PDB file of N, CA and C in Angstrom:
ATOM      1  N   MET A   1      48.977  48.869 -15.268  1.00  0.00           N
ATOM      2  CA  MET A   1      48.013  47.560 -14.670  1.00  0.00           C
ATOM      3  C   MET A   1      48.927  46.637 -13.466  1.00  0.00           C
ATOM      4  N   SER A   2      48.656  46.823 -12.613  1.00  0.00           N
ATOM      5  CA  SER A   2      49.559  46.155 -11.537  1.00  0.00           C
ATOM      6  C   SER A   2      49.466  44.824 -11.515  1.00  0.00           C
ATOM      7  N   GLU A   3      50.253  44.064 -10.869  1.00  0.00           N
ATOM      8  CA  GLU A   3      50.297  42.735 -10.557  1.00  0.00           C
ATOM      9  C   GLU A   3      49.035  42.292 -10.047  1.00  0.00           C
ATOM     10  N   SER A   4      48.584  42.739  -8.957  1.00  0.00           N
ATOM     11  CA  SER A   4      47.120  42.132  -8.511  1.00  0.00           C
ATOM     12  C   SER A   4      46.123  42.385  -9.441  1.00  0.00           C
ATOM     13  N   ASP A   5      45.910  43.237 -10.273  1.00  0.00           N
ATOM     14  CA  ASP A   5      44.895  43.373 -11.290  1.00  0.00           C
ATOM     15  C   ASP A   5      45.228  42.261 -12.176  1.00  0.00           C
ATOM     16  N   ARG A   6      46.157  41.997 -12.617  1.00  0.00           N
ATOM     17  CA  ARG A   6      46.182  40.973 -13.559  1.00  0.00           C
ATOM     18  C   ARG A   6      45.790  39.406 -13.148  1.00  0.00           C
ATOM     19  N   VAL A   7      46.186  39.535 -11.757  1.00  0.00           N
ATOM     20  CA  VAL A   7      45.807  38.213 -11.152  1.00  0.00           C
ATOM     21  C   VAL A   7      44.124  38.012 -11.033  1.00  0.00           C
ATOM     22  N   VAL A   8      43.571  39.293 -10.587  1.00  0.00           N
ATOM     23  CA  VAL A   8      42.385  38.955 -10.597  1.00  0.00           C
ATOM     24  C   VAL A   8      41.530  39.049 -11.632  1.00  0.00           C
ATOM     25  N   SER A   9      42.009  39.498 -12.811  1.00  0.00           N
ATOM     26  CA  SER A   9      41.437  39.104 -14.157  1.00  0.00           C
ATOM     27  C   SER A   9      41.589  38.107 -14.469  1.00  0.00           C
ATOM     28  N   LEU A  10      42.531  37.404 -14.283  1.00  0.00           N
ATOM     29  CA  LEU A  10      42.747  35.925 -14.900  1.00  0.00           C
ATOM     30  C   LEU A  10      41.895  34.816 -14.068  1.00  0.00           C
ATOM     31  N   GLU A  11      41.722  35.259 -12.861  1.00  0.00           N
ATOM     32  CA  GLU A  11      40.722  34.234 -12.021  1.00  0.00           C
ATOM     33  C   GLU A  11      39.206  34.448 -12.281  1.00  0.00           C
ATOM     34  N   THR A  12      38.922  35.649 -12.998  1.00  0.00           N
ATOM     35  CA  THR A  12      37.434  35.738 -13.287  1.00  0.00           C
ATOM     36  C   THR A  12      36.996  34.850 -14.302  1.00  0.00           C
ATOM     37  N   PRO A  13      36.047  34.110 -13.916  1.00  0.00           N
ATOM     38  CA  PRO A  13      35.312  33.036 -14.922  1.00  0.00           C
ATOM     39  C   PRO A  13      34.761  33.507 -15.895  1.00  0.00           C
ATOM     40  N   ALA A  14      34.968  32.978 -16.944  1.00  0.00           N
ATOM     41  CA  ALA A  14      34.144  33.499 -18.479  1.00  0.00           C
ATOM     42  C   ALA A  14      32.850  33.159 -18.294  1.00  0.00           C
ATOM     43  N   ILE A  15      31.776  34.243 -18.990  1.00  0.00           N
ATOM     44  CA  ILE A  15      30.680  34.068 -19.229  1.00  0.00           C
ATOM     45  C   ILE A  15      30.438  33.031 -20.310  1.00  0.00           C
ATOM     46  N   THR A  16      29.600  32.095 -19.991  1.00  0.00           N
ATOM     47  CA  THR A  16      29.024  31.416 -21.230  1.00  0.00           C
ATOM     48  C   THR A  16      27.778  31.656 -21.812  1.00  0.00           C
ATOM     49  N   ASN A  17      27.701  31.211 -22.849  1.00  0.00           N
ATOM     50  CA  ASN A  17      26.364  31.584 -23.612  1.00  0.00           C
ATOM     51  C   ASN A  17      25.793  30.207 -23.910  1.00  0.00           C
ATOM     52  N   GLY A  18      25.977  29.104 -23.710  1.00  0.00           N
ATOM     53  CA  GLY A  18      25.480  27.910 -23.924  1.00  0.00           C
ATOM     54  C   GLY A  18      24.043  27.645 -23.523  1.00  0.00           C
ATOM     55  N   SER A  19      23.619  28.126 -22.407  1.00  0.00           N
ATOM     56  CA  SER A  19      22.141  28.403 -21.852  1.00  0.00           C
ATOM     57  C   SER A  19      21.259  29.128 -23.041  1.00  0.00           C
ATOM     58  N   GLY A  20      21.686  30.353 -23.228  1.00  0.00           N
ATOM     59  CA  GLY A  20      20.758  31.154 -24.090  1.00  0.00           C
ATOM     60  C   GLY A  20      20.651  30.526 -25.528  1.00  0.00           C
ATOM     61  N   ALA A  21      21.864  30.140 -25.965  1.00  0.00           N
ATOM     62  CA  ALA A  21      22.153  29.689 -27.216  1.00  0.00           C
ATOM     63  C   ALA A  21      20.961  28.105 -27.252  1.00  0.00           C
ATOM     64  N   ALA A  22      20.761  27.540 -26.326  1.00  0.00           N
ATOM     65  CA  ALA A  22      20.003  26.204 -25.962  1.00  0.00           C
ATOM     66  C   ALA A  22      18.442  26.836 -26.291  1.00  0.00           C
ATOM     67  N   ALA A  23      18.201  27.811 -25.739  1.00  0.00           N
ATOM     68  CA  ALA A  23      16.895  28.438 -25.585  1.00  0.00           C
ATOM     69  C   ALA A  23      16.389  28.800 -27.085  1.00  0.00           C
ATOM     70  N   ILE A  24      17.269  29.366 -27.811  1.00  0.00           N
ATOM     71  CA  ILE A  24      17.250  29.988 -29.081  1.00  0.00           C
ATOM     72  C   ILE A  24      17.074  28.884 -30.062  1.00  0.00           C
ATOM     73  N   LEU A  25      17.941  28.093 -29.859  1.00  0.00           N
ATOM     74  CA  LEU A  25      18.101  26.720 -31.204  1.00  0.00           C
ATOM     75  C   LEU A  25      16.625  25.797 -30.633  1.00  0.00           C
ATOM     76  N   SER A  26      16.587  25.721 -29.599  1.00  0.00           N
ATOM     77  CA  SER A  26      15.421  24.762 -29.153  1.00  0.00           C
ATOM     78  C   SER A  26      14.111  25.570 -29.364  1.00  0.00           C
ATOM     79  N   ALA A  27      13.736  26.858 -29.476  1.00  0.00           N
ATOM     80  CA  ALA A  27      12.496  27.691 -30.290  1.00  0.00           C
ATOM     81  C   ALA A  27      12.723  27.513 -31.546  1.00  0.00           C
ATOM     82  N   GLY A  28      13.578  27.499 -32.481  1.00  0.00           N
ATOM     83  CA  GLY A  28      13.478  27.815 -33.867  1.00  0.00           C
ATOM     84  C   GLY A  28      13.376  26.188 -34.073  1.00  0.00           C
ATOM     85  N   LEU A  29      13.723  24.987 -33.556  1.00  0.00           N
ATOM     86  CA  LEU A  29      13.529  23.690 -33.567  1.00  0.00           C
ATOM     87  C   LEU A  29      11.965  23.192 -33.724  1.00  0.00           C
ATOM     88  N   SER A  30      11.275  23.749 -32.456  1.00  0.00           N
ATOM     89  CA  SER A  30       9.938  23.420 -32.322  1.00  0.00           C
ATOM     90  C   SER A  30       8.989  24.114 -33.227  1.00  0.00           C
ATOM     91  N   SER A  31       9.610  25.414 -33.492  1.00  0.00           N
ATOM     92  CA  SER A  31       8.514  26.267 -34.600  1.00  0.00           C
ATOM     93  C   SER A  31       8.361  25.343 -35.816  1.00  0.00           C
ATOM     94  N   PHE A  32       9.660  25.045 -35.987  1.00  0.00           N
ATOM     95  CA  PHE A  32       9.573  23.811 -37.487  1.00  0.00           C
ATOM     96  C   PHE A  32       8.971  22.555 -37.244  1.00  0.00           C
ATOM     97  N   VAL A  33       9.041  21.995 -36.203  1.00  0.00           N
ATOM     98  CA  VAL A  33       8.373  21.011 -35.906  1.00  0.00           C
ATOM     99  C   VAL A  33       6.842  21.114 -35.810  1.00  0.00           C
ATOM    100  N   LEU A  34       6.365  22.538 -35.135  1.00  0.00           N
ATOM    101  CA  LEU A  34       5.013  22.788 -35.336  1.00  0.00           C
ATOM    102  C   LEU A  34       4.154  23.078 -36.826  1.00  0.00           C
ATOM    103  N   ALA A  35       5.219  23.412 -37.459  1.00  0.00           N
ATOM    104  CA  ALA A  35       4.974  23.692 -39.043  1.00  0.00           C
ATOM    105  C   ALA A  35       4.713  22.396 -39.890  1.00  0.00           C
ATOM    106  N   VAL A  36       5.959  21.425 -39.548  1.00  0.00           N
ATOM    107  CA  VAL A  36       5.541  20.112 -40.314  1.00  0.00           C
ATOM    108  C   VAL A  36       4.503  19.370 -39.854  1.00  0.00           C
ATOM    109  N   LEU A  37       4.395  19.335 -38.787  1.00  0.00           N
ATOM    110  CA  LEU A  37       3.107  18.449 -38.179  1.00  0.00           C
ATOM    111  C   LEU A  37       1.948  19.200 -38.624  1.00  0.00           C
ATOM    112  N   ALA A  38       1.579  20.385 -38.658  1.00  0.00           N
ATOM    113  CA  ALA A  38       0.483  21.053 -39.154  1.00  0.00           C
ATOM    114  C   ALA A  38       0.338  20.482 -40.744  1.00  0.00           C
ATOM    115  N   PHE A  39       1.508  20.856 -41.448  1.00  0.00           N
ATOM    116  CA  PHE A  39       1.231  20.539 -42.846  1.00  0.00           C
ATOM    117  C   PHE A  39       0.845  19.087 -43.178  1.00  0.00           C
ATOM    118  N   ALA A  40       1.934  18.332 -42.293  1.00  0.00           N
ATOM    119  CA  ALA A  40       1.418  16.671 -42.408  1.00  0.00           C
ATOM    120  C   ALA A  40      -0.157  16.462 -41.806  1.00  0.00           C
ATOM    121  N   GLY A  41      -0.532  17.021 -40.833  1.00  0.00           N
ATOM    122  CA  GLY A  41      -1.918  16.692 -40.317  1.00  0.00           C
ATOM    123  C   GLY A  41      -2.798  17.326 -41.585  1.00  0.00           C
ATOM    124  N   ASP A  42      -2.678  18.161 -42.193  1.00  0.00           N
ATOM    125  CA  ASP A  42      -3.472  18.564 -43.308  1.00  0.00           C
ATOM    126  C   ASP A  42      -3.676  17.581 -44.643  1.00  0.00           C
ATOM    127  N   LYS A  43      -2.309  17.149 -44.612  1.00  0.00           N
ATOM    128  CA  LYS A  43      -2.242  16.382 -46.186  1.00  0.00           C
ATOM    129  C   LYS A  43      -2.585  15.008 -46.091  1.00  0.00           C
ATOM    130  N   TRP A  44      -2.259  14.255 -44.890  1.00  0.00           N
ATOM    131  CA  TRP A  44      -2.532  12.831 -44.635  1.00  0.00           C
ATOM    132  C   TRP A  44      -3.315  12.568 -43.577  1.00  0.00           C
ATOM    133  N   ALA A  45      -4.510  11.856 -43.811  1.00  0.00           N
ATOM    134  CA  ALA A  45      -5.488  11.477 -42.568  1.00  0.00           C
ATOM    135  C   ALA A  45      -4.986  10.740 -41.901  1.00  0.00           C
ATOM    136  N   LEU A  46      -3.900   9.624 -41.989  1.00  0.00           N
ATOM    137  CA  LEU A  46      -3.632   8.852 -41.033  1.00  0.00           C
ATOM    138  C   LEU A  46      -2.677   9.597 -39.824  1.00  0.00           C
ATOM    139  N   ILE A  47      -1.977  10.680 -40.327  1.00  0.00           N
ATOM    140  CA  ILE A  47      -1.337  11.484 -39.319  1.00  0.00           C
ATOM    141  C   ILE A  47      -2.453  12.207 -38.747  1.00  0.00           C
ATOM    142  N   LYS A  48      -3.152  12.779 -39.372  1.00  0.00           N
ATOM    143  CA  LYS A  48      -4.303  13.608 -38.874  1.00  0.00           C
ATOM    144  C   LYS A  48      -5.080  13.096 -37.573  1.00  0.00           C
ATOM    145  N   SER A  49      -5.385  11.746 -37.883  1.00  0.00           N
ATOM    146  CA  SER A  49      -6.083  10.960 -36.632  1.00  0.00           C
ATOM    147  C   SER A  49      -5.313  10.638 -35.649  1.00  0.00           C
ATOM    148  N   TYR A  50      -3.874  10.510 -35.662  1.00  0.00           N
ATOM    149  CA  TYR A  50      -2.900  10.445 -34.533  1.00  0.00           C
ATOM    150  C   TYR A  50      -2.793  11.536 -33.686  1.00  0.00           C
ATOM    151  N   LEU A  51      -3.073  12.831 -34.497  1.00  0.00           N
ATOM    152  CA  LEU A  51      -2.667  14.080 -33.749  1.00  0.00           C
ATOM    153  C   LEU A  51      -4.218  14.629 -33.003  1.00  0.00           C
ATOM    154  N   VAL A  52      -5.128  14.120 -33.172  1.00  0.00           N
ATOM    155  CA  VAL A  52      -6.480  14.298 -32.355  1.00  0.00           C
ATOM    156  C   VAL A  52      -6.173  13.926 -31.107  1.00  0.00           C
ATOM    157  N   PHE A  53      -5.935  14.838 -29.992  1.00  0.00           N
ATOM    158  CA  PHE A  53      -5.850  14.344 -28.521  1.00  0.00           C
ATOM    159  C   PHE A  53      -7.138  15.076 -27.921  1.00  0.00           C
ATOM    160  N   TYR A  54      -7.715  15.977 -28.600  1.00  0.00           N
ATOM    161  CA  TYR A  54      -8.857  16.553 -27.622  1.00  0.00           C
ATOM    162  C   TYR A  54      -9.913  16.788 -28.959  1.00  0.00           C
ATOM    163  N   LYS A  55     -11.017  16.077 -29.022  1.00  0.00           N
ATOM    164  CA  LYS A  55     -11.846  16.197 -30.390  1.00  0.00           C
ATOM    165  C   LYS A  55     -12.344  17.292 -30.684  1.00  0.00           C
ATOM    166  N   PRO A  56     -12.905  18.566 -29.848  1.00  0.00           N
ATOM    167  CA  PRO A  56     -13.138  19.716 -30.070  1.00  0.00           C
ATOM    168  C   PRO A  56     -12.144  20.425 -30.891  1.00  0.00           C
ATOM    169  N   THR A  57     -11.033  20.331 -30.768  1.00  0.00           N
ATOM    170  CA  THR A  57      -9.841  21.282 -31.458  1.00  0.00           C
ATOM    171  C   THR A  57      -9.216  20.399 -32.564  1.00  0.00           C
ATOM    172  N   GLY A  58      -9.346  19.017 -32.876  1.00  0.00           N
ATOM    173  CA  GLY A  58      -9.027  18.338 -33.863  1.00  0.00           C
ATOM    174  C   GLY A  58      -7.587  18.280 -33.695  1.00  0.00           C
ATOM    175  N   PRO A  59      -7.105  18.045 -34.841  1.00  0.00           N
ATOM    176  CA  PRO A  59      -5.366  17.827 -34.750  1.00  0.00           C
ATOM    177  C   PRO A  59      -4.373  18.841 -34.392  1.00  0.00           C
ATOM    178  N   LEU A  60      -5.287  19.904 -34.302  1.00  0.00           N
ATOM    179  CA  LEU A  60      -4.294  21.291 -33.687  1.00  0.00           C
ATOM    180  C   LEU A  60      -3.820  20.847 -32.292  1.00  0.00           C
ATOM    181  N   SER A  61      -4.592  20.144 -31.522  1.00  0.00           N
ATOM    182  CA  SER A  61      -4.095  19.618 -30.278  1.00  0.00           C
ATOM    183  C   SER A  61      -3.351  18.768 -30.084  1.00  0.00           C
ATOM    184  N   GLY A  62      -2.819  17.965 -30.870  1.00  0.00           N
ATOM    185  CA  GLY A  62      -1.699  17.266 -31.186  1.00  0.00           C
ATOM    186  C   GLY A  62      -0.492  17.626 -31.579  1.00  0.00           C
ATOM    187  N   VAL A  63      -0.665  18.746 -32.737  1.00  0.00           N
ATOM    188  CA  VAL A  63       0.235  19.304 -33.352  1.00  0.00           C
ATOM    189  C   VAL A  63       1.159  20.550 -32.201  1.00  0.00           C
ATOM    190  N   THR A  64       0.151  20.856 -31.408  1.00  0.00           N
ATOM    191  CA  THR A  64       0.917  21.751 -30.375  1.00  0.00           C
ATOM    192  C   THR A  64       1.318  20.984 -29.480  1.00  0.00           C
ATOM    193  N   THR A  65       0.738  20.155 -28.923  1.00  0.00           N
ATOM    194  CA  THR A  65       1.162  19.494 -27.617  1.00  0.00           C
ATOM    195  C   THR A  65       2.609  18.839 -28.246  1.00  0.00           C
ATOM    196  N   ALA A  66       2.790  18.166 -29.432  1.00  0.00           N
ATOM    197  CA  ALA A  66       3.893  17.764 -29.850  1.00  0.00           C
ATOM    198  C   ALA A  66       5.208  18.486 -30.007  1.00  0.00           C
ATOM    199  N   ALA A  67       4.790  19.754 -30.510  1.00  0.00           N
ATOM    200  CA  ALA A  67       5.804  20.700 -30.498  1.00  0.00           C
ATOM    201  C   ALA A  67       6.219  21.398 -29.377  1.00  0.00           C
ATOM    202  N   ILE A  68       5.319  21.393 -28.221  1.00  0.00           N
ATOM    203  CA  ILE A  68       5.754  21.942 -26.933  1.00  0.00           C
ATOM    204  C   ILE A  68       6.685  20.908 -26.619  1.00  0.00           C
ATOM    205  N   LEU A  69       6.349  19.625 -26.664  1.00  0.00           N
ATOM    206  CA  LEU A  69       7.291  18.578 -25.865  1.00  0.00           C
ATOM    207  C   LEU A  69       8.395  18.504 -26.648  1.00  0.00           C
ATOM    208  N   ILE A  70       8.643  18.757 -27.595  1.00  0.00           N
ATOM    209  CA  ILE A  70       9.848  18.685 -28.465  1.00  0.00           C
ATOM    210  C   ILE A  70      10.855  19.896 -28.058  1.00  0.00           C
ATOM    211  N   TRP A  71      10.128  20.943 -27.813  1.00  0.00           N
ATOM    212  CA  TRP A  71      10.624  22.309 -27.337  1.00  0.00           C
ATOM    213  C   TRP A  71      11.209  22.019 -25.943  1.00  0.00           C
ATOM    214  N   ILE A  72      10.662  21.569 -25.030  1.00  0.00           N
ATOM    215  CA  ILE A  72      10.914  21.318 -23.784  1.00  0.00           C
ATOM    216  C   ILE A  72      12.268  20.165 -23.681  1.00  0.00           C
ATOM    217  N   LEU A  73      12.066  19.121 -24.610  1.00  0.00           N
ATOM    218  CA  LEU A  73      13.014  17.986 -24.759  1.00  0.00           C
ATOM    219  C   LEU A  73      14.356  18.540 -25.252  1.00  0.00           C
ATOM    220  N   ALA A  74      14.280  19.449 -26.407  1.00  0.00           N
ATOM    221  CA  ALA A  74      15.349  19.951 -27.304  1.00  0.00           C
ATOM    222  C   ALA A  74      16.063  21.041 -26.193  1.00  0.00           C
ATOM    223  N   TRP A  75      15.529  21.942 -25.470  1.00  0.00           N
ATOM    224  CA  TRP A  75      15.951  23.055 -24.581  1.00  0.00           C
ATOM    225  C   TRP A  75      16.732  21.975 -23.377  1.00  0.00           C
ATOM    226  N   ALA A  76      15.995  21.179 -22.604  1.00  0.00           N
ATOM    227  CA  ALA A  76      16.444  20.428 -21.771  1.00  0.00           C
ATOM    228  C   ALA A  76      18.046  19.729 -22.012  1.00  0.00           C
ATOM    229  N   ILE A  77      17.985  18.922 -23.207  1.00  0.00           N
ATOM    230  CA  ILE A  77      19.207  18.184 -23.626  1.00  0.00           C
ATOM    231  C   ILE A  77      20.112  19.030 -24.040  1.00  0.00           C
ATOM    232  N   LEU A  78      19.894  20.300 -24.872  1.00  0.00           N
ATOM    233  CA  LEU A  78      20.657  21.327 -25.277  1.00  0.00           C
ATOM    234  C   LEU A  78      21.189  22.235 -23.860  1.00  0.00           C
ATOM    235  N   GLU A  79      20.333  22.346 -23.121  1.00  0.00           N
ATOM    236  CA  GLU A  79      20.925  23.059 -21.801  1.00  0.00           C
ATOM    237  C   GLU A  79      21.969  22.326 -21.114  1.00  0.00           C
ATOM    238  N   TRP A  80      21.694  20.984 -21.046  1.00  0.00           N
ATOM    239  CA  TRP A  80      22.505  19.832 -20.440  1.00  0.00           C
ATOM    240  C   TRP A  80      23.814  19.819 -20.937  1.00  0.00           C
ATOM    241  N   ARG A  81      23.980  19.876 -22.509  1.00  0.00           N
ATOM    242  CA  ARG A  81      25.301  19.726 -22.797  1.00  0.00           C
ATOM    243  C   ARG A  81      25.849  21.090 -23.271  1.00  0.00           C
ATOM    244  N   TRP A  82      25.414  22.134 -23.025  1.00  0.00           N
ATOM    245  CA  TRP A  82      25.846  23.338 -23.415  1.00  0.00           C
ATOM    246  C   TRP A  82      26.022  24.163 -22.411  1.00  0.00           C
ATOM    247  N   ARG A  83      25.367  24.094 -20.932  1.00  0.00           N
ATOM    248  CA  ARG A  83      25.349  24.872 -19.866  1.00  0.00           C
ATOM    249  C   ARG A  83      26.621  25.554 -19.221  1.00  0.00           C
ATOM    250  N   LYS A  84      27.618  24.840 -19.582  1.00  0.00           N
ATOM    251  CA  LYS A  84      29.038  25.490 -19.017  1.00  0.00           C
ATOM    252  C   LYS A  84      30.120  25.544 -20.328  1.00  0.00           C
ATOM    253  N   ARG A  85      29.203  25.753 -21.458  1.00  0.00           N
ATOM    254  CA  ARG A  85      30.140  26.221 -22.495  1.00  0.00           C
ATOM    255  C   ARG A  85      29.872  27.893 -23.172  1.00  0.00           C
ATOM    256  N   THR A  86      30.675  27.985 -24.091  1.00  0.00           N
ATOM    257  CA  THR A  86      30.518  28.804 -25.098  1.00  0.00           C
ATOM    258  C   THR A  86      30.371  28.565 -26.292  1.00  0.00           C
ATOM    259  N   VAL A  87      29.569  28.394 -26.891  1.00  0.00           N
ATOM    260  CA  VAL A  87      29.141  28.143 -28.342  1.00  0.00           C
ATOM    261  C   VAL A  87      28.883  29.159 -29.482  1.00  0.00           C
ATOM    262  N   ALA A  88      29.252  29.024 -30.601  1.00  0.00           N
ATOM    263  CA  ALA A  88      29.198  29.702 -31.800  1.00  0.00           C
ATOM    264  C   ALA A  88      27.668  30.410 -31.693  1.00  0.00           C
ATOM    265  N   ALA A  89      27.421  31.656 -31.124  1.00  0.00           N
ATOM    266  CA  ALA A  89      25.959  32.025 -31.055  1.00  0.00           C
ATOM    267  C   ALA A  89      25.439  32.556 -32.404  1.00  0.00           C
ATOM    268  N   GLY A  90      26.556  32.975 -33.180  1.00  0.00           N
ATOM    269  CA  GLY A  90      25.944  33.600 -34.489  1.00  0.00           C
ATOM    270  C   GLY A  90      25.353  32.430 -35.342  1.00  0.00           C
ATOM    271  N   ARG A  91      26.222  31.274 -35.282  1.00  0.00           N
ATOM    272  CA  ARG A  91      25.772  30.051 -36.121  1.00  0.00           C
ATOM    273  C   ARG A  91      24.371  29.586 -35.686  1.00  0.00           C
ATOM    274  N   ILE A  92      24.237  29.668 -34.359  1.00  0.00           N
ATOM    275  CA  ILE A  92      22.965  29.188 -33.788  1.00  0.00           C
ATOM    276  C   ILE A  92      21.810  30.025 -34.013  1.00  0.00           C
ATOM    277  N   CYS A  93      21.891  31.119 -33.938  1.00  0.00           N
ATOM    278  CA  CYS A  93      20.960  32.188 -34.403  1.00  0.00           C
ATOM    279  C   CYS A  93      20.545  32.049 -35.804  1.00  0.00           C
ATOM    280  N   THR A  94      21.466  31.870 -36.701  1.00  0.00           N
ATOM    281  CA  THR A  94      21.363  31.681 -38.013  1.00  0.00           C
ATOM    282  C   THR A  94      20.509  30.588 -38.149  1.00  0.00           C
ATOM    283  N   ILE A  95      20.709  29.452 -37.761  1.00  0.00           N
ATOM    284  CA  ILE A  95      19.971  28.040 -37.808  1.00  0.00           C
ATOM    285  C   ILE A  95      18.835  28.336 -37.403  1.00  0.00           C
ATOM    286  N   ALA A  96      18.543  28.848 -36.058  1.00  0.00           N
ATOM    287  CA  ALA A  96      17.337  29.332 -35.431  1.00  0.00           C
ATOM    288  C   ALA A  96      16.081  29.751 -36.372  1.00  0.00           C
ATOM    289  N   LEU A  97      16.914  30.879 -37.016  1.00  0.00           N
ATOM    290  CA  LEU A  97      16.169  31.992 -37.861  1.00  0.00           C
ATOM    291  C   LEU A  97      15.954  31.190 -39.034  1.00  0.00           C
ATOM    292  N   ALA A  98      16.797  30.295 -39.577  1.00  0.00           N
ATOM    293  CA  ALA A  98      16.464  29.615 -40.769  1.00  0.00           C
ATOM    294  C   ALA A  98      15.182  28.521 -40.623  1.00  0.00           C
ATOM    295  N   LEU A  99      15.285  28.257 -39.554  1.00  0.00           N
ATOM    296  CA  LEU A  99      14.137  27.211 -38.997  1.00  0.00           C
ATOM    297  C   LEU A  99      12.849  27.712 -38.943  1.00  0.00           C
ATOM    298  N   LEU A 100      13.184  28.698 -38.268  1.00  0.00           N
ATOM    299  CA  LEU A 100      11.606  30.065 -37.947  1.00  0.00           C
ATOM    300  C   LEU A 100      11.182  30.139 -39.693  1.00  0.00           C
ATOM    301  N   GLY A 101      12.221  30.739 -40.388  1.00  0.00           N
ATOM    302  CA  GLY A 101      11.413  30.942 -41.437  1.00  0.00           C
ATOM    303  C   GLY A 101      11.030  29.997 -42.472  1.00  0.00           C
ATOM    304  N   LEU A 102      11.925  29.024 -42.476  1.00  0.00           N
ATOM    305  CA  LEU A 102      10.809  27.540 -43.131  1.00  0.00           C
ATOM    306  C   LEU A 102       9.684  27.370 -42.376  1.00  0.00           C
ATOM    307  N   SER A 103       9.415  27.495 -40.947  1.00  0.00           N
ATOM    308  CA  SER A 103       8.219  27.036 -40.500  1.00  0.00           C
ATOM    309  C   SER A 103       7.223  28.138 -41.059  1.00  0.00           C
ATOM    310  N   LEU A 104       7.457  29.427 -41.128  1.00  0.00           N
ATOM    311  CA  LEU A 104       6.694  30.601 -41.360  1.00  0.00           C
ATOM    312  C   LEU A 104       6.120  30.214 -43.018  1.00  0.00           C
ATOM    313  N   LEU A 105       7.213  29.419 -43.717  1.00  0.00           N
ATOM    314  CA  LEU A 105       6.741  29.179 -45.104  1.00  0.00           C
ATOM    315  C   LEU A 105       5.720  28.036 -45.093  1.00  0.00           C
ATOM    316  N   LEU A 106       5.960  27.305 -44.294  1.00  0.00           N
ATOM    317  CA  LEU A 106       5.351  25.955 -44.382  1.00  0.00           C
ATOM    318  C   LEU A 106       3.903  25.945 -43.813  1.00  0.00           C
ATOM    319  N   THR A 107       3.648  27.416 -43.023  1.00  0.00           N
ATOM    320  CA  THR A 107       2.307  27.665 -42.451  1.00  0.00           C
ATOM    321  C   THR A 107       1.760  28.634 -43.322  1.00  0.00           C
ATOM    322  N   PHE A 108       2.265  29.009 -44.641  1.00  0.00           N
ATOM    323  CA  PHE A 108       1.628  30.321 -45.558  1.00  0.00           C
ATOM    324  C   PHE A 108       0.859  29.412 -46.654  1.00  0.00           C
ATOM    325  N   PRO A 109      -0.500  29.589 -46.575  1.00  0.00           N
ATOM    326  CA  PRO A 109      -0.996  28.508 -47.642  1.00  0.00           C
ATOM    327  C   PRO A 109      -0.814  28.158 -49.073  1.00  0.00           C
ATOM    328  N   PRO A 110      -0.302  29.452 -49.381  1.00  0.00           N
ATOM    329  CA  PRO A 110      -0.017  29.237 -51.316  1.00  0.00           C
ATOM    330  C   PRO A 110       1.335  28.203 -51.366  1.00  0.00           C
ATOM    331  N   VAL A 111       2.259  28.445 -50.250  1.00  0.00           N
ATOM    332  CA  VAL A 111       3.259  27.547 -50.351  1.00  0.00           C
ATOM    333  C   VAL A 111       3.161  25.991 -50.075  1.00  0.00           C
ATOM    334  N   VAL A 112       2.372  25.826 -48.984  1.00  0.00           N
ATOM    335  CA  VAL A 112       1.681  24.392 -48.519  1.00  0.00           C
ATOM    336  C   VAL A 112       0.864  23.872 -49.778  1.00  0.00           C
ATOM    337  N   ASP A 113       0.123  24.541 -50.579  1.00  0.00           N
ATOM    338  CA  ASP A 113      -0.627  23.923 -51.504  1.00  0.00           C
ATOM    339  C   ASP A 113       0.169  23.751 -52.701  1.00  0.00           C
ATOM    340  N   LEU A 114       1.610  24.136 -52.601  1.00  0.00           N
ATOM    341  CA  LEU A 114       2.325  23.715 -53.828  1.00  0.00           C
ATOM    342  C   LEU A 114       2.747  22.134 -53.548  1.00  0.00           C
ATOM    343  N   PHE A 115       2.711  21.660 -52.242  1.00  0.00           N
ATOM    344  CA  PHE A 115       3.091  20.275 -52.094  1.00  0.00           C
ATOM    345  C   PHE A 115       1.537  19.503 -52.049  1.00  0.00           C
TER     346      PHE A 115
END
């Protein structure tokens, strides 16, 4: 390797993964929020009444709207904080998959009925 090759390789900026990690974690978080709100809307009448944004769909309109807002907000905040950073992608993916798994459990009727 010549001296000019080393200089070029040292000046090449590193590729960051913060933006991708922000998208993955915000998706996992919002899926968990969706499951928790769906569970809460089914179990408590007060929360169910707060989640009705559009009467024909009932509380589902509030559950999905809130989950989408959380997704966008979490993605914006994480993107702003991590956009120029390299984060531990393995740990972020593990957390996101754990949140997704918990959300699937909370939407599975036999598990929800235990609560």
